[in-house]
């Protein structure tokens, strides 16, 4: 869901008013359990989200890669020049 809002700054105090909520996207976000599938940009002006593919609703990821000992692999592939 998404909602517009207004903020009013006045001498007696600030006020916040939310608009009417609406559907943000017809497609649901992917659900990976404890892992977030969305994030805001540092300036909070953009949102990146992984949306679910309607054909694979309810299915989890089909491939997962773990890279262990990253720095050892990096040294092997790109040795330090002398």
Protein backbone atom coordinates (compact mmCIF):
# COMPACT_ATOMS: atom_id res chain seq x y z
CA UNK A 1 0.00 0.00 0.00
CA UNK A 2 1.08 3.59 -0.55
CA UNK A 3 -0.29 6.87 0.74
CA UNK A 4 0.36 10.53 0.04
CA UNK A 5 0.79 12.92 2.94
CA UNK A 6 1.15 16.59 3.81
CA UNK A 7 3.17 18.25 6.53
CA UNK A 8 2.26 21.71 7.75
CA UNK A 9 4.72 23.81 9.71
CA UNK A 10 3.09 26.40 11.96
CA UNK A 11 4.13 28.53 14.90
CA UNK A 12 1.89 26.53 17.25
CA UNK A 13 3.33 23.19 16.10
CA UNK A 14 3.73 20.99 13.08
CA UNK A 15 1.01 18.71 11.76
CA UNK A 16 0.98 15.59 9.61
CA UNK A 17 -2.01 14.47 7.54
CA UNK A 18 -2.12 11.17 5.64
CA UNK A 19 -4.15 10.78 2.46
CA UNK A 20 -6.21 7.80 1.37
CA UNK A 21 -4.19 4.55 1.05
CA UNK A 22 -3.98 2.95 -2.36
CA UNK A 23 -2.49 -0.14 -3.98
CA UNK A 24 1.24 0.37 -4.64
CA UNK A 25 1.69 -2.59 -6.98
CA UNK A 26 -0.67 -5.25 -8.27
CA UNK A 27 2.11 -7.84 -8.03
CA UNK A 28 3.16 -8.98 -4.57
CA UNK A 29 6.72 -8.64 -3.26
CA UNK A 30 8.85 -11.77 -3.24
CA UNK A 31 8.92 -13.43 0.17
CA UNK A 32 12.27 -14.89 1.27
CA UNK A 33 11.33 -15.17 4.93
CA UNK A 34 13.86 -13.25 7.02
CA UNK A 35 15.48 -11.52 4.02
CA UNK A 36 14.26 -8.14 2.82
CA UNK A 37 13.25 -7.92 -0.83
CA UNK A 38 13.09 -4.12 -0.93
CA UNK A 39 15.26 -1.18 0.04
CA UNK A 40 15.24 2.63 -0.08
CA UNK A 41 17.95 4.71 -1.69
CA UNK A 42 20.08 6.77 0.75
CA UNK A 43 18.17 9.95 -0.19
CA UNK A 44 14.81 8.14 0.36
CA UNK A 45 13.56 9.21 -3.08
CA UNK A 46 13.72 5.80 -4.79
CA UNK A 47 12.67 2.29 -3.85
CA UNK A 48 14.05 -0.94 -5.27
CA UNK A 49 11.88 -4.02 -4.85
CA UNK A 50 11.87 -7.60 -6.10
CA UNK A 51 8.36 -8.42 -7.26
CA UNK A 52 7.03 -11.95 -7.44
CA UNK A 53 6.52 -13.56 -10.81
CA UNK A 54 2.82 -14.44 -10.99
CA UNK A 55 3.64 -17.79 -12.59
CA UNK A 56 5.82 -18.85 -9.65
CA UNK A 57 3.58 -17.65 -6.81
CA UNK A 58 4.28 -19.55 -3.62
CA UNK A 59 7.58 -21.02 -4.85
CA UNK A 60 10.89 -20.20 -3.21
CA UNK A 61 14.16 -19.47 -4.96
CA UNK A 62 15.40 -22.18 -7.31
CA UNK A 63 19.11 -21.39 -7.02
CA UNK A 64 21.30 -20.13 -4.23
CA UNK A 65 25.07 -19.53 -4.32
CA UNK A 66 27.30 -19.31 -1.25
CA UNK A 67 30.81 -17.95 -1.65
CA UNK A 68 32.98 -19.04 1.26
CA UNK A 69 36.50 -17.77 1.95
CA UNK A 70 35.97 -14.77 -0.32
CA UNK A 71 39.35 -13.12 0.37
CA UNK A 72 41.27 -16.38 -0.21
CA UNK A 73 39.53 -16.73 -3.58
CA UNK A 74 40.22 -13.09 -4.40
CA UNK A 75 43.95 -13.50 -3.61
CA UNK A 76 44.06 -16.64 -5.77
CA UNK A 77 42.42 -14.96 -8.75
CA UNK A 78 44.11 -11.56 -8.43
CA UNK A 79 47.46 -11.88 -6.68
CA UNK A 80 48.96 -8.70 -5.29
CA UNK A 81 51.51 -7.18 -7.66
CA UNK A 82 54.96 -6.46 -6.29
